[in-house]
Protein backbone atom coordinates (compact mmCIF):
# COMPACT_ATOMS: atom_id res chain seq x y z
CA MET A 1 18.77 -9.98 -3.45
CA LEU A 2 19.31 -8.51 -0.09
CA LYS A 3 19.36 -5.04 -1.66
CA LYS A 4 16.17 -5.55 -3.32
CA ILE A 5 14.38 -6.73 0.01
CA ALA A 6 16.07 -3.75 1.82
CA SER A 7 14.63 -1.34 -0.67
CA GLY A 8 11.17 -2.72 0.06
CA ILE A 9 11.94 -2.65 4.06
CA CYS A 10 12.47 1.01 3.22
CA ALA A 11 9.21 1.45 1.85
CA GLY A 12 7.28 -0.64 4.55
CA ILE A 13 9.25 1.89 6.67
CA LEU A 14 7.79 4.89 5.06
CA ILE A 15 3.99 3.51 4.86
CA THR A 16 4.22 2.78 8.29
CA ILE A 17 4.72 6.53 8.92
CA GLY A 18 1.89 7.43 6.42
CA GLY A 19 -0.31 5.29 8.17
CA SER A 20 0.55 6.48 12.02
CA VAL A 21 -0.40 10.23 10.95
CA TYR A 22 -3.39 8.96 9.51
CA LEU A 23 -4.34 7.23 12.66
CA ALA A 24 -3.35 10.02 14.60
CA CYS A 25 -5.36 12.25 12.64
CA GLU A 26 -8.78 12.98 13.94
CA ASN A 27 -9.75 14.62 10.90
CA LYS A 28 -9.40 12.18 8.40
CA VAL A 29 -8.95 14.62 5.16
CA VAL A 30 -6.12 15.89 6.86
CA GLY A 31 -4.84 12.57 7.80
CA ALA A 32 -5.05 11.24 4.08
CA VAL A 33 -3.51 14.26 2.62
CA LEU A 34 -0.45 13.99 5.03
CA PHE A 35 -0.17 10.08 4.23
CA THR A 36 0.81 11.10 0.62
CA VAL A 37 4.43 11.76 2.32
CA ALA A 38 5.15 8.04 2.35
CA LEU A 39 4.53 7.62 -1.68
CA LEU A 40 6.05 11.20 -2.37
CA CYS A 41 8.91 9.65 -0.50
CA ILE A 42 9.46 6.41 -1.62
CA CYS A 43 9.14 7.80 -5.57
CA ILE A 44 11.41 10.08 -5.15
CA LYS A 45 13.84 7.82 -3.53
CA GLY A 46 13.27 4.92 -5.72
CA TYR A 47 12.16 2.43 -2.88
CA SER A 48 10.38 -0.82 -4.03
CA LEU A 49 6.50 -0.83 -3.13
CA TYR A 50 4.56 -3.53 -4.20
CA THR A 51 1.26 -1.89 -5.36
CA GLY A 52 3.68 0.82 -6.95
CA ARG A 53 5.57 -1.49 -9.19
CA ILE A 54 3.34 -4.14 -9.91
CA GLY A 55 1.29 -2.70 -12.94
CA PHE A 56 4.41 -2.42 -14.73
CA GLY A 57 4.64 -5.99 -15.00
CA THR A 58 2.31 -5.50 -18.19
CA GLU A 59 5.75 -4.20 -19.91
CA THR A 60 7.81 -7.09 -19.39
CA HIS A 61 8.20 -10.52 -18.82
CA ASP A 62 11.64 -10.36 -17.55
CA LYS A 63 12.29 -12.77 -14.72
CA GLU A 64 14.41 -10.06 -12.83
CA PHE A 65 11.54 -7.70 -12.47
CA PHE A 66 9.31 -10.21 -11.05
CA SER A 67 11.90 -11.44 -8.31
CA GLY A 68 12.26 -8.26 -7.80
CA LEU A 69 8.93 -7.29 -7.08
CA LEU A 70 8.50 -10.28 -4.64
CA LEU A 71 11.31 -9.63 -2.98
CA GLY A 72 10.68 -6.04 -2.62
CA LEU A 73 6.96 -7.25 -1.36
CA LEU A 74 8.59 -9.25 1.06
CA GLY A 75 10.48 -6.45 2.32
CA ASN A 76 7.18 -4.29 2.37
CA ALA A 77 5.71 -6.79 4.57
CA VAL A 78 9.24 -7.05 7.20
CA GLY A 79 9.12 -3.33 7.21
CA THR A 80 5.34 -2.53 7.78
CA ILE A 81 4.92 -5.62 10.35
CA ALA A 82 7.93 -4.70 12.54
CA GLY A 83 6.97 -0.74 12.16
CA GLY A 84 3.49 -1.50 13.22
CA TYR A 85 4.31 -3.34 16.35
CA ALA A 86 6.70 -0.66 17.38
CA ILE A 87 4.49 1.84 16.84
CA ARG A 88 2.01 -0.34 18.81
CA ALA A 89 4.26 -0.44 21.48
CA ALA A 90 5.67 3.13 21.38
CA LEU A 91 2.10 4.71 20.77
CA PRO A 92 -0.69 2.60 22.20
CA LYS A 93 -3.12 5.13 21.09
CA LEU A 94 -2.59 4.64 17.79
CA GLY A 95 -2.96 0.62 18.18
CA ALA A 96 -5.88 1.27 19.93
CA ALA A 97 -6.73 2.88 16.63
CA ALA A 98 -5.44 0.56 14.85
CA ALA A 99 -7.67 -2.48 16.26
CA ALA A 100 -10.91 -0.40 15.82
CA LEU A 101 -10.05 -0.04 12.16
CA CYS A 102 -9.06 -3.47 11.61
CA GLN A 103 -11.99 -4.98 13.53
CA THR A 104 -14.34 -2.68 11.46
CA LYS A 105 -13.07 -4.40 8.03
CA LEU A 106 -13.02 -7.76 9.24
CA ASP A 107 -16.37 -7.45 10.73
CA THR A 108 -18.10 -5.57 7.85
CA GLN A 109 -16.30 -6.19 4.46
CA THR A 110 -17.35 -8.87 2.27
CA PHE A 111 -14.70 -11.22 0.01
CA PRO A 112 -16.21 -9.29 -2.95
CA MET A 113 -16.07 -5.87 -1.27
CA THR A 114 -12.41 -6.18 0.14
CA LEU A 115 -11.33 -7.61 -3.53
CA LEU A 116 -12.90 -4.85 -4.97
CA ARG A 117 -11.79 -2.02 -2.75
CA GLY A 118 -8.42 -3.27 -3.94
CA VAL A 119 -8.77 -3.28 -7.27
CA PHE A 120 -9.37 0.37 -7.32
CA CYS A 121 -7.14 0.91 -5.42
CA GLY A 122 -4.56 -0.71 -7.52
CA VAL A 123 -5.85 1.66 -10.11
CA LEU A 124 -4.64 4.78 -8.47
CA MET A 125 -1.69 2.94 -7.19
CA TYR A 126 -0.71 2.59 -11.03
CA LEU A 127 -1.65 6.03 -11.82
CA ALA A 128 0.23 7.80 -8.85
CA VAL A 129 3.43 6.13 -10.14
CA SER A 130 3.13 5.96 -13.56
CA ILE A 131 2.45 10.03 -13.95
CA TYR A 132 5.62 10.66 -11.79
CA LYS A 133 7.45 8.09 -13.93
CA GLU A 134 6.62 9.49 -17.13
CA LYS A 135 5.69 12.80 -16.31
CA ASP A 136 8.12 13.73 -13.53
CA LYS A 137 5.20 15.13 -11.94
CA LEU A 138 4.07 14.33 -8.25
CA ILE A 139 0.61 15.72 -9.02
CA GLY A 140 -0.50 12.18 -8.88
CA VAL A 141 0.71 11.13 -5.75
CA ILE A 142 -0.98 14.30 -4.23
CA PHE A 143 -4.14 13.40 -5.47
CA CYS A 144 -4.47 9.54 -5.83
CA ILE A 145 -3.19 8.81 -2.31
CA PRO A 146 -5.93 11.16 -0.65
CA VAL A 147 -8.60 9.97 -3.27
CA PHE A 148 -8.37 6.15 -2.05
CA ILE A 149 -8.20 6.59 1.59
CA LEU A 150 -11.05 8.79 1.56
CA ALA A 151 -13.06 6.62 -1.13
CA GLY A 152 -12.69 3.90 1.38
CA PHE A 153 -10.12 1.39 -0.76
CA GLU A 154 -7.88 -0.55 0.25
CA HIS A 155 -4.24 -0.79 0.16
CA SER A 156 -2.25 -3.92 1.02
CA ILE A 157 1.16 -2.82 2.48
CA ALA A 158 -0.78 -0.10 4.54
CA ASP A 159 -3.36 -2.93 5.91
CA LEU A 160 -0.52 -5.07 6.87
CA PHE A 161 1.05 -1.96 8.99
CA TYR A 162 -3.04 -1.32 10.34
CA PHE A 163 -3.20 -5.18 11.39
CA ALA A 164 0.01 -5.09 12.69
CA ALA A 165 -0.57 -2.24 14.73
CA SER A 166 -3.49 -3.60 15.62
CA GLY A 167 -2.21 -6.60 17.48
CA ILE A 168 -4.84 -8.74 15.61
CA VAL A 169 -3.28 -11.84 14.30
CA SER A 170 -5.89 -14.66 12.85
CA LEU A 171 -6.58 -16.52 9.74
CA PRO A 172 -9.15 -13.93 8.44
CA ALA A 173 -6.83 -11.02 8.81
CA CYS A 174 -4.73 -13.11 7.17
CA GLY A 175 -7.08 -13.63 4.09
CA PHE A 176 -7.97 -9.84 4.11
CA VAL A 177 -4.71 -8.99 3.79
CA TRP A 178 -4.12 -11.42 0.69
CA THR A 179 -7.46 -10.36 -0.59
CA VAL A 180 -6.48 -7.18 -1.06
CA ILE A 181 -2.76 -7.85 -2.60
CA LEU A 182 -5.03 -9.73 -5.42
CA GLY A 183 -7.25 -6.93 -5.63
CA ASN A 184 -4.36 -4.24 -6.28
CA THR A 185 -2.74 -6.52 -8.45
CA LEU A 186 -5.61 -6.67 -10.55
CA GLY A 187 -6.22 -3.27 -10.12
CA ALA A 188 -3.00 -2.21 -11.26
CA VAL A 189 -2.85 -4.20 -14.64
CA ILE A 190 -6.22 -2.71 -15.53
CA LEU A 191 -4.97 0.74 -17.51
CA PRO A 192 -1.95 -1.03 -19.19
CA LEU A 193 -3.43 -3.85 -20.37
CA LEU A 194 -6.73 -1.83 -21.34
CA PHE A 195 -4.18 0.97 -23.46
CA PRO A 196 -0.52 -0.16 -23.50
CA LYS A 197 1.88 2.24 -24.41
CA LYS A 198 3.35 2.23 -27.69
CA ALA A 199 6.77 0.90 -28.05
């Protein structure tokens, strides 16, 4: 159990690094491309990232898989929240950028908008990881991650980092993140449910 949580924390730390470089870049295209370092390392090291694993739950009804998934999500939250507060303390400029980003999300996005943005991110996350697992190629990560960022889709684990770095702690912020988690979950299972892998 502790190993699964630790794996999730490792993934959360990497998402913290990816989110930090995105916030640090004035050019959002460059920031989106550099964010891919997070998922590239997560895939190669085999760390547990909720958004990268949930789509594969359609292939199994194994309780161990789902318990590991939830423990990984807990680790993701610990890693990104701790990382977010650390970045806020070490790099106040990034904390201010995160606060502006998160406040805009809360002020301009309705529940359906946030949910759907999470759904489309979930689709891309499933594709990125499944291409790596099935083809042993990182091209899915290299393209899918910048695409979801530049399109404005929502990634729940990255949002956990952004909100922690922003210092915004509120019920709307909590509801926002849970909405994105739901959207990511729904999006990640769409393709494998519509076109399941042949046995």
